[in-house]
Amino acid sequence: MELDDLLPRNQKPKPRDLSALSVGELEEYIAAMEAEIARVRETIRAKRDVRGAAEAFFKR
């Protein structure tokens, strides 16, 4: 069993304290968040593709 399996699925991450970060660190943080957003969008796209293929298969 993984530790992630023990955590509630709807638990939202706490916002990070940005006040202590430099401008450079904030820019790096933005880049990391944009990469995460892109990863999530790709996962959504892949799931929609699978769903569409399954729906098309079962409509036959």
Protein backbone atom coordinates (compact mmCIF):
# COMPACT_ATOMS: atom_id res chain seq x y z
CA MET A 1 0.00 0.00 0.00
CA GLU A 2 1.28 3.45 -0.94
CA LEU A 3 1.19 6.44 1.37
CA ASP A 4 -0.92 8.24 -1.23
CA ASP A 5 -3.60 5.57 -0.80
CA LEU A 6 -4.06 6.65 2.82
CA LEU A 7 -4.64 10.33 2.05
CA PRO A 8 -8.10 11.61 1.21
CA ARG A 9 -8.43 12.13 -2.55
CA ASN A 10 -10.18 15.49 -2.27
CA GLN A 11 -7.49 17.03 -0.08
CA LYS A 12 -6.32 20.24 -1.73
CA PRO A 13 -2.71 21.37 -1.38
CA LYS A 14 -2.14 24.36 0.84
CA PRO A 15 -1.07 27.54 -0.96
CA ARG A 16 2.65 28.16 -0.84
CA ASP A 17 3.93 31.25 1.02
CA LEU A 18 5.31 33.40 -1.79
CA SER A 19 6.40 36.40 0.28
CA ALA A 20 9.87 35.02 1.04
CA LEU A 21 10.69 34.11 -2.57
CA SER A 22 12.83 36.25 -4.84
CA VAL A 23 11.68 37.36 -8.28
CA GLY A 24 13.84 34.64 -9.85
CA GLU A 25 12.39 31.99 -7.56
CA LEU A 26 8.88 33.20 -8.36
CA GLU A 27 9.61 32.95 -12.08
CA GLU A 28 10.92 29.40 -11.58
CA TYR A 29 7.78 28.59 -9.59
CA ILE A 30 5.59 29.92 -12.41
CA ALA A 31 7.51 27.81 -14.94
CA ALA A 32 7.04 24.72 -12.78
CA MET A 33 3.32 25.41 -12.39
CA GLU A 34 2.94 25.97 -16.15
CA ALA A 35 4.67 22.63 -16.77
CA GLU A 36 2.27 20.97 -14.32
CA ILE A 37 -0.72 22.58 -16.05
CA ALA A 38 0.54 21.27 -19.41
CA ARG A 39 0.94 17.79 -17.91
CA VAL A 40 -2.61 17.87 -16.53
CA ARG A 41 -4.00 19.07 -19.86
CA GLU A 42 -2.22 16.22 -21.66
CA THR A 43 -3.67 13.71 -19.19
CA ILE A 44 -7.15 15.13 -19.74
CA ARG A 45 -6.68 14.92 -23.52
CA ALA A 46 -5.52 11.31 -23.30
CA LYS A 47 -8.48 10.34 -21.10
CA ARG A 48 -10.91 12.03 -23.49
CA ASP A 49 -9.33 10.16 -26.40
CA VAL A 50 -9.76 6.84 -24.60
CA ARG A 51 -13.33 7.70 -23.69
CA GLY A 52 -14.11 8.70 -27.27
CA ALA A 53 -12.63 5.48 -28.61
CA ALA A 54 -14.64 3.42 -26.12
CA GLU A 55 -17.85 5.25 -27.00
CA ALA A 56 -17.20 4.75 -30.71
CA PHE A 57 -16.48 1.05 -30.16
CA PHE A 58 -19.69 0.42 -28.24
CA LYS A 59 -21.87 2.40 -30.68
CA ARG A 60 -21.24 -0.20 -33.39
